[in-house]
Amino acid sequence: MSARRVLVTGGAGFVGSHLVDALLARGDRVRIFDNLDPQVHPEGRRPHWMPSDAEFVQGDMRNADQVRASLEDIDVVYHLAAAVGVGQSMYQIADYTAVNTMGTAHLLQALVDDRNGPKKLTVGKLIVASSMSIYGEGRYARPDRQEPRGTLRPVDQLRAQQWEPRDVDGTELRPLPTDEGKPLDPTSIYALTKADQEKMVLQIGAAYGIPSVALRFFNIYGPRQALSNPYTGVAAIFSARLLNGQPPLIFEDGEQRRDFVSVHDVVQALLLAADQDAAAGKAFNVGSGRGVSVREVAETLARVLGSGIEAQVTGKYRVGDIRHCFSDISLAREVLGYEPRVTFEQGMEELVAWLQEQDRPQDGVEAHAAELAARGLTL
């Protein structure tokens, strides 16, 4: 089998860089397309982990010509580039829409225009990074096993610090693993743009015969996370606070449950998505299949770091946040052959071992919290 020519948008970032390593190890030829956003790369240059045997193109998804040029002589595209962050997306609306929605439009427009044009783009597979955020709240069940008619948490309920979702008749609901059939209900601009990316890729893929797959990532953690970025994953944010001698800040009561998946398992799913022909046209959850409370994440990180600092539970709510969402990964197991290999405990130990080798990160969490409060986005 000849080496594939693979494009990874966002390939200098957290997930993208791990994917690039795995592709090169398989013998693929890799082109990285990344704008080296200062929020992710504070020094504004290529990170030291970027391999020299991958081609690097510095470009921006908002520039249609740069995107089009990056696709030349490419067989497989992994579209990971995106502006990330629920809270920030609620006040940088145009930026998130431009990068995520319009950036994906530029990618797809190039494929549509040039598929039979003079340059004859040869892309044969397209995998897009989607997100669990597109679900909004996860699956829930009523005690009487009837389907809930609603899971919204009214403002008055949140102000009273009654955090659990209730049905329209006031019945408190029980969280269940969330499967791909759960109706989508994005509750932030970030989530809305991720839903755009997924739907656009699958629709155009189907229309033009390009095998396309969407992977709905849950909460990813691991080495190379942007520790100084207050909009990155909660594990990295909590770690940065602890390394600076500050308590992690937890919204609500800390009992909200998420699904934390190692970056190594995410890379496994990305590779499988391109290899399995049966995956084409489908969306898959990629998680650990286990719900973990946010409080437990903070406690685990403090313990493994040897820190006696306890998390600060704020009792506040951020507009756009949900209560519970953790994955049902049955479909990915069945179709992709995906099986998580890294336990939560193993992954946290690996993250901490990496953290202890890094310079102390800048802590932008309090500034971010102040920005949300000033804009009326916290209750």
Protein backbone atom coordinates (compact mmCIF):
# COMPACT_ATOMS: atom_id res chain seq x y z
CA MET A 1 0.00 0.00 0.00
CA SER A 2 1.51 3.35 -1.06
CA ALA A 3 1.83 6.18 1.45
CA ARG A 4 -1.24 8.37 1.68
CA ARG A 5 -0.93 12.13 1.39
CA VAL A 6 -2.78 13.54 4.41
CA LEU A 7 -3.77 17.10 5.32
CA VAL A 8 -4.37 17.90 8.99
CA THR A 9 -5.92 21.32 9.56
CA GLY A 10 -5.08 22.50 13.05
CA GLY A 11 -2.19 20.03 12.96
CA ALA A 12 0.06 22.08 15.26
CA GLY A 13 -2.47 21.98 18.08
CA PHE A 14 -3.26 19.58 20.88
CA VAL A 15 -5.14 16.79 19.11
CA GLY A 16 -3.74 17.54 15.67
CA SER A 17 -0.12 17.15 16.73
CA HIS A 18 -0.76 13.72 18.26
CA LEU A 19 -2.57 12.68 15.08
CA VAL A 20 0.34 13.89 12.94
CA ASP A 21 2.75 11.76 14.97
CA ALA A 22 0.54 8.68 14.49
CA LEU A 23 0.16 9.27 10.74
CA LEU A 24 3.91 9.65 10.23
CA ALA A 25 4.51 6.48 12.25
CA ARG A 26 2.22 4.65 9.79
CA GLY A 27 4.27 5.89 6.86
CA ASP A 28 1.88 8.58 5.61
CA ARG A 29 3.05 11.87 4.10
CA VAL A 30 1.58 14.69 6.18
CA ARG A 31 0.88 18.36 5.51
CA ILE A 32 -0.01 20.53 8.52
CA PHE A 33 -2.19 23.61 7.99
CA ASP A 34 -2.33 25.86 11.05
CA ASN A 35 -2.47 29.59 11.82
CA LEU A 36 -0.52 29.29 15.11
CA ASP A 37 -3.20 31.26 16.96
CA PRO A 38 -1.50 33.09 19.89
CA GLN A 39 -4.24 31.92 22.24
CA VAL A 40 -3.05 28.35 21.64
CA HIS A 41 0.58 29.10 20.78
CA PRO A 42 1.53 32.10 22.98
CA GLU A 43 5.04 32.33 21.52
CA GLY A 44 3.62 32.62 18.00
CA ARG A 45 5.88 30.00 16.49
CA ARG A 46 5.88 26.31 15.67
CA PRO A 47 5.77 24.20 18.85
CA HIS A 48 8.87 22.15 19.60
CA TRP A 49 6.93 18.89 19.21
CA MET A 50 6.12 19.50 15.54
CA PRO A 51 8.09 16.89 13.56
CA SER A 52 10.51 18.06 10.87
CA ASP A 53 9.35 15.36 8.44
CA ALA A 54 5.85 16.85 8.20
CA GLU A 55 5.27 19.69 5.73
CA PHE A 56 4.07 22.83 7.51
CA VAL A 57 1.90 25.50 5.91
CA GLN A 58 1.01 28.50 8.03
CA GLY A 59 -2.43 29.59 6.93
CA ASP A 60 -5.87 30.53 8.16
CA MET A 61 -9.20 28.81 7.53
CA ARG A 62 -10.70 32.26 6.94
CA ASN A 63 -8.51 32.67 3.84
CA ALA A 64 -10.14 30.74 1.00
CA ASP A 65 -7.08 30.87 -1.26
CA GLN A 66 -4.79 29.48 1.44
CA VAL A 67 -7.25 26.69 2.19
CA ARG A 68 -7.56 25.81 -1.48
CA ALA A 69 -3.78 25.66 -1.93
CA SER A 70 -3.38 23.37 1.08
CA LEU A 71 -5.57 20.72 -0.59
CA GLU A 72 -3.35 20.13 -3.62
CA ASP A 73 -2.16 16.51 -3.99
CA ILE A 74 -4.02 15.36 -0.87
CA ASP A 75 -5.78 12.00 -0.46
CA VAL A 76 -7.23 12.31 3.06
CA VAL A 77 -8.29 15.42 4.99
CA TYR A 78 -8.61 15.60 8.76
CA HIS A 79 -10.38 18.88 9.48
CA LEU A 80 -9.56 19.69 13.11
CA ALA A 81 -8.99 23.45 12.90
CA ALA A 82 -11.50 25.38 15.00
CA ALA A 83 -11.93 28.20 17.47
CA VAL A 84 -12.65 26.47 20.79
CA GLY A 85 -14.41 27.65 23.94
CA VAL A 86 -18.05 27.81 25.00
CA GLY A 87 -17.88 30.95 27.12
CA GLN A 88 -15.71 32.97 24.74
CA SER A 89 -17.92 32.07 21.80
CA MET A 90 -20.82 33.91 23.44
CA TYR A 91 -19.06 37.26 23.02
CA GLN A 92 -16.77 36.59 20.03
CA ILE A 93 -19.64 35.55 17.82
CA ALA A 94 -18.31 36.76 14.48
CA ASP A 95 -14.84 35.27 15.07
CA TYR A 96 -16.15 31.82 15.95
CA THR A 97 -18.53 31.80 13.01
CA ALA A 98 -15.82 32.96 10.62
CA VAL A 99 -13.27 30.34 11.71
CA ASN A 100 -15.55 27.37 12.24
CA THR A 101 -18.50 27.74 9.90
CA MET A 102 -17.00 29.83 7.10
CA GLY A 103 -13.63 28.09 7.39
CA THR A 104 -15.34 24.77 6.76
CA ALA A 105 -17.28 26.36 3.90
CA HIS A 106 -13.98 27.42 2.30
CA LEU A 107 -12.68 23.85 2.56
CA LEU A 108 -15.81 22.36 1.03
CA GLN A 109 -16.06 25.03 -1.66
CA ALA A 110 -12.54 24.20 -2.80
CA LEU A 111 -13.39 20.50 -3.00
CA VAL A 112 -16.58 21.18 -4.95
CA ASP A 113 -15.02 23.68 -7.38
CA ASP A 114 -11.82 21.78 -8.12
CA ARG A 115 -12.95 18.16 -7.98
CA ASN A 116 -13.25 18.11 -11.76
CA GLY A 117 -11.38 21.33 -12.45
CA PRO A 118 -7.90 21.90 -13.84
CA LYS A 119 -6.16 20.97 -10.58
CA LYS A 120 -8.37 17.88 -10.07
CA LEU A 121 -8.26 17.64 -6.28
CA THR A 122 -7.97 13.99 -5.35
CA VAL A 123 -9.34 14.01 -1.80
CA GLY A 124 -10.90 10.60 -1.22
CA LYS A 125 -11.80 10.84 2.47
CA LEU A 126 -12.77 13.67 4.78
CA ILE A 127 -12.97 13.42 8.58
CA VAL A 128 -14.23 16.37 10.62
CA ALA A 129 -13.85 16.99 14.33
CA SER A 130 -17.31 17.53 15.78
CA SER A 131 -18.16 17.92 19.46
CA MET A 132 -20.38 16.60 22.21
CA SER A 133 -21.43 20.22 22.76
CA ILE A 134 -23.83 19.94 19.84
CA TYR A 135 -26.14 17.76 21.96
CA GLY A 136 -26.73 20.47 24.55
CA GLU A 137 -27.94 18.47 27.52
CA GLY A 138 -27.32 14.75 27.31
CA ARG A 139 -29.88 11.95 27.55
CA TYR A 140 -32.16 11.85 30.58
CA ALA A 141 -34.83 9.53 31.93
CA ARG A 142 -37.90 10.07 34.07
CA PRO A 143 -38.57 7.78 37.05
CA ASP A 144 -41.67 6.50 35.21
CA ARG A 145 -39.52 5.70 32.12
CA GLN A 146 -41.50 8.06 29.92
CA GLU A 147 -39.54 10.20 27.47
CA PRO A 148 -38.85 13.65 28.99
CA ARG A 149 -40.52 16.51 27.18
CA GLY A 150 -37.90 19.04 28.24
CA THR A 151 -34.54 19.40 30.00
CA LEU A 152 -34.09 23.16 30.13
CA ARG A 153 -33.08 24.78 33.41
CA PRO A 154 -34.98 28.08 33.81
CA VAL A 155 -33.07 31.09 35.11
CA ASP A 156 -35.14 31.18 38.32
CA GLN A 157 -34.19 27.56 39.02
CA LEU A 158 -30.49 28.30 38.47
CA ARG A 159 -30.58 31.40 40.66
CA ALA A 160 -31.98 29.15 43.41
CA GLN A 161 -28.99 26.81 42.82
CA GLN A 162 -31.26 23.94 41.88
CA TRP A 163 -28.96 22.44 39.32
CA GLU A 164 -30.56 19.21 38.12
CA PRO A 165 -32.74 19.37 34.98
CA ARG A 166 -36.46 18.81 35.42
CA ASP A 167 -39.17 17.81 33.01
CA VAL A 168 -41.90 20.29 32.11
CA ASP A 169 -44.04 18.97 35.00
CA GLY A 170 -41.23 19.51 37.53
CA THR A 171 -40.07 15.89 37.74
CA GLU A 172 -36.32 15.64 38.39
CA LEU A 173 -34.53 13.69 35.67
CA ARG A 174 -31.77 11.07 35.80
CA PRO A 175 -28.82 11.34 33.36
CA LEU A 176 -28.15 8.50 30.93
CA PRO A 177 -25.33 7.83 28.45
CA THR A 178 -25.90 9.97 25.35
CA ASP A 179 -26.17 8.17 22.01
CA GLU A 180 -25.92 9.63 18.51
CA GLY A 181 -29.69 9.52 18.07
CA LYS A 182 -30.27 12.14 20.74
CA PRO A 183 -31.67 15.31 19.08
CA LEU A 184 -29.11 18.09 18.75
CA ASP A 185 -29.67 21.23 20.82
CA PRO A 186 -26.60 23.50 20.73
CA THR A 187 -26.62 25.95 23.65
CA SER A 188 -23.65 28.17 22.66
CA ILE A 189 -22.25 29.76 19.53
CA TYR A 190 -19.32 27.34 19.70
CA ALA A 191 -21.68 24.37 19.79
CA LEU A 192 -23.76 25.80 16.96
CA THR A 193 -20.70 26.21 14.74
CA LYS A 194 -19.55 22.65 15.50
CA ALA A 195 -22.97 21.41 14.43
CA ASP A 196 -22.52 23.49 11.26
CA GLN A 197 -19.16 21.86 10.56
CA GLU A 198 -20.52 18.36 11.01
CA LYS A 199 -23.66 18.82 8.94
CA MET A 200 -21.88 20.67 6.13
CA VAL A 201 -19.20 18.00 5.77
CA LEU A 202 -21.65 15.09 5.80
CA GLN A 203 -24.04 16.80 3.37
CA ILE A 204 -21.40 17.78 0.83
CA GLY A 205 -19.67 14.43 1.23
CA ALA A 206 -22.91 12.64 0.38
CA ALA A 207 -23.74 14.95 -2.53
CA TYR A 208 -20.32 14.66 -4.21
CA GLY A 209 -19.42 11.10 -3.33
CA ILE A 210 -16.61 11.99 -0.90
CA PRO A 211 -16.62 9.46 1.98
CA SER A 212 -16.97 11.69 5.02
CA VAL A 213 -17.10 11.01 8.77
CA ALA A 214 -17.88 13.20 11.78
CA LEU A 215 -16.42 12.37 15.18
CA ARG A 216 -18.19 13.90 18.16
CA PHE A 217 -15.39 14.33 20.67
CA PHE A 218 -16.18 14.48 24.35
CA ASN A 219 -13.83 16.20 26.84
CA ILE A 220 -10.30 15.51 25.60
CA TYR A 221 -7.27 15.74 27.88
CA GLY A 222 -3.60 14.81 27.76
CA PRO A 223 -0.10 16.13 27.04
CA ARG A 224 0.30 19.23 24.85
CA GLN A 225 -2.88 20.96 25.96
CA ALA A 226 -2.61 24.74 25.90
CA LEU A 227 -2.22 25.35 29.63
CA SER A 228 -2.24 29.15 29.43
CA ASN A 229 -5.46 29.21 27.38
CA PRO A 230 -8.42 29.73 29.77
CA TYR A 231 -10.80 28.43 27.11
CA THR A 232 -9.22 24.99 26.75
CA GLY A 233 -10.34 21.77 28.45
CA VAL A 234 -11.21 21.74 32.13
CA ALA A 235 -8.37 19.34 33.03
CA ALA A 236 -5.79 21.77 31.63
CA ILE A 237 -7.50 24.78 33.23
CA PHE A 238 -7.57 23.13 36.65
CA SER A 239 -3.94 22.04 36.26
CA ALA A 240 -2.80 25.58 35.42
CA ARG A 241 -4.55 26.89 38.53
CA LEU A 242 -2.99 24.27 40.81
CA LEU A 243 0.50 24.82 39.35
CA ASN A 244 0.12 28.52 40.16
CA GLY A 245 -0.93 27.79 43.74
CA GLN A 246 -4.55 28.75 43.07
CA PRO A 247 -7.73 26.74 43.63
CA PRO A 248 -9.58 25.42 40.57
CA LEU A 249 -12.81 27.38 40.08
CA ILE A 250 -15.86 25.13 39.74
CA PHE A 251 -19.19 26.41 38.51
CA GLU A 252 -22.49 25.17 39.96
CA ASP A 253 -21.84 22.55 42.66
CA GLY A 254 -19.19 20.46 40.90
CA GLU A 255 -21.41 17.41 40.51
CA GLN A 256 -22.07 17.99 36.81
CA ARG A 257 -20.84 14.98 34.88
CA ARG A 258 -18.75 14.88 31.73
CA ASP A 259 -16.93 12.22 29.73
CA PHE A 260 -13.14 12.63 29.82
CA VAL A 261 -11.29 10.86 27.02
CA SER A 262 -7.53 10.60 26.52
CA VAL A 263 -6.05 12.21 23.44
CA HIS A 264 -4.52 8.81 22.61
CA ASP A 265 -7.98 7.26 22.34
CA VAL A 266 -9.13 10.18 20.20
CA VAL A 267 -6.25 9.55 17.79
CA GLN A 268 -7.23 5.88 17.67
CA ALA A 269 -10.74 6.90 16.58
CA LEU A 270 -9.41 9.34 13.97
CA LEU A 271 -7.28 6.64 12.35
CA LEU A 272 -10.13 4.14 12.38
CA ALA A 273 -12.53 6.65 10.82
CA ALA A 274 -10.34 6.90 7.73
CA ASP A 275 -9.69 3.15 7.55
CA GLN A 276 -13.24 1.80 7.90
CA ASP A 277 -15.29 2.18 4.71
CA ALA A 278 -18.48 1.47 6.67
CA ALA A 279 -17.98 4.71 8.61
CA ALA A 280 -18.73 6.94 5.60
CA GLY A 281 -21.70 9.26 6.03
CA LYS A 282 -21.99 8.68 9.78
CA ALA A 283 -21.34 10.58 13.01
CA PHE A 284 -19.79 8.80 16.00
CA ASN A 285 -19.36 9.58 19.66
CA VAL A 286 -15.73 9.40 20.79
CA GLY A 287 -15.43 9.25 24.55
CA SER A 288 -14.56 6.93 27.39
CA GLY A 289 -18.14 5.81 27.96
CA ARG A 290 -17.91 6.89 31.60
CA GLY A 291 -19.31 9.94 33.38
CA VAL A 292 -17.00 11.74 35.83
CA SER A 293 -17.94 14.74 37.96
CA VAL A 294 -16.05 18.00 37.51
CA ARG A 295 -15.31 17.97 41.24
CA GLU A 296 -13.68 14.54 40.87
CA VAL A 297 -11.40 15.88 38.13
CA ALA A 298 -10.20 18.69 40.40
CA GLU A 299 -9.67 16.33 43.34
CA THR A 300 -7.81 13.78 41.21
CA LEU A 301 -5.47 16.37 39.74
CA ALA A 302 -4.72 17.86 43.17
CA ARG A 303 -3.96 14.42 44.58
CA VAL A 304 -1.70 13.36 41.73
CA LEU A 305 0.11 16.73 41.80
CA GLY A 306 0.58 16.39 45.55
CA SER A 307 -1.28 19.65 46.14
CA GLY A 308 -3.35 20.32 49.23
CA ILE A 309 -5.32 23.06 47.46
CA GLU A 310 -9.05 22.40 47.40
CA ALA A 311 -11.27 23.50 44.54
CA GLN A 312 -13.42 26.58 45.02
CA VAL A 313 -17.06 25.84 44.26
CA THR A 314 -18.51 29.14 43.05
CA GLY A 315 -22.19 28.24 42.99
CA LYS A 316 -22.43 30.30 39.78
CA TYR A 317 -23.78 29.31 36.39
CA ARG A 318 -22.35 30.19 32.97
CA VAL A 319 -24.78 30.91 30.17
CA GLY A 320 -24.45 28.11 27.61
CA ASP A 321 -23.34 25.46 30.11
CA ILE A 322 -25.16 22.17 30.44
CA ARG A 323 -25.54 19.87 33.43
CA HIS A 324 -24.67 16.32 32.31
CA CYS A 325 -23.41 14.74 29.11
CA PHE A 326 -21.40 11.53 28.83
CA SER A 327 -21.12 9.15 25.91
CA ASP A 328 -22.68 5.97 24.69
CA ILE A 329 -19.90 4.64 22.42
CA SER A 330 -21.73 1.52 21.19
CA LEU A 331 -21.84 2.73 17.57
CA ALA A 332 -18.12 3.51 17.44
CA ARG A 333 -17.37 0.10 18.92
CA GLU A 334 -19.57 -1.65 16.38
CA VAL A 335 -18.63 0.20 13.18
CA LEU A 336 -15.13 1.55 13.83
CA GLY A 337 -13.82 -1.12 16.16
CA TYR A 338 -13.05 1.67 18.64
CA GLU A 339 -12.25 0.69 22.22
CA PRO A 340 -10.91 3.14 24.83
CA ARG A 341 -7.54 1.97 26.13
CA VAL A 342 -6.59 4.69 28.63
CA THR A 343 -8.44 4.80 31.95
CA PHE A 344 -9.24 8.11 33.63
CA GLU A 345 -6.71 7.38 36.37
CA GLN A 346 -3.95 6.44 33.89
CA GLY A 347 -4.66 9.49 31.77
CA MET A 348 -4.52 11.88 34.72
CA GLU A 349 -1.18 10.43 35.80
CA GLU A 350 0.22 10.89 32.29
CA LEU A 351 -1.09 14.46 32.14
CA VAL A 352 0.50 15.33 35.49
CA ALA A 353 3.83 13.74 34.52
CA TRP A 354 3.87 15.97 31.45
CA LEU A 355 2.78 19.03 33.45
CA GLN A 356 5.71 18.66 35.80
CA GLU A 357 8.11 19.01 32.86
CA GLN A 358 6.55 22.30 31.68
CA ASP A 359 7.23 25.90 32.62
CA ARG A 360 4.65 27.36 34.96
CA PRO A 361 1.71 28.40 32.78
CA GLN A 362 0.07 31.79 32.82
CA ASP A 363 -3.26 31.72 34.65
CA GLY A 364 -5.98 33.56 32.74
CA VAL A 365 -8.96 31.98 34.47
CA GLU A 366 -9.90 34.89 36.72
CA ALA A 367 -9.67 37.36 33.84
CA HIS A 368 -11.92 35.09 31.78
CA ALA A 369 -14.41 34.81 34.65
CA ALA A 370 -14.43 38.61 35.03
CA GLU A 371 -15.08 39.01 31.30
CA LEU A 372 -18.06 36.68 31.45
CA ALA A 373 -19.44 38.45 34.51
CA ALA A 374 -19.02 41.88 32.94
CA ARG A 375 -21.03 40.70 29.95
CA GLY A 376 -23.81 39.24 32.10
CA LEU A 377 -22.96 35.66 31.11
CA THR A 378 -22.75 34.29 34.63
CA LEU A 379 -25.54 34.08 37.19
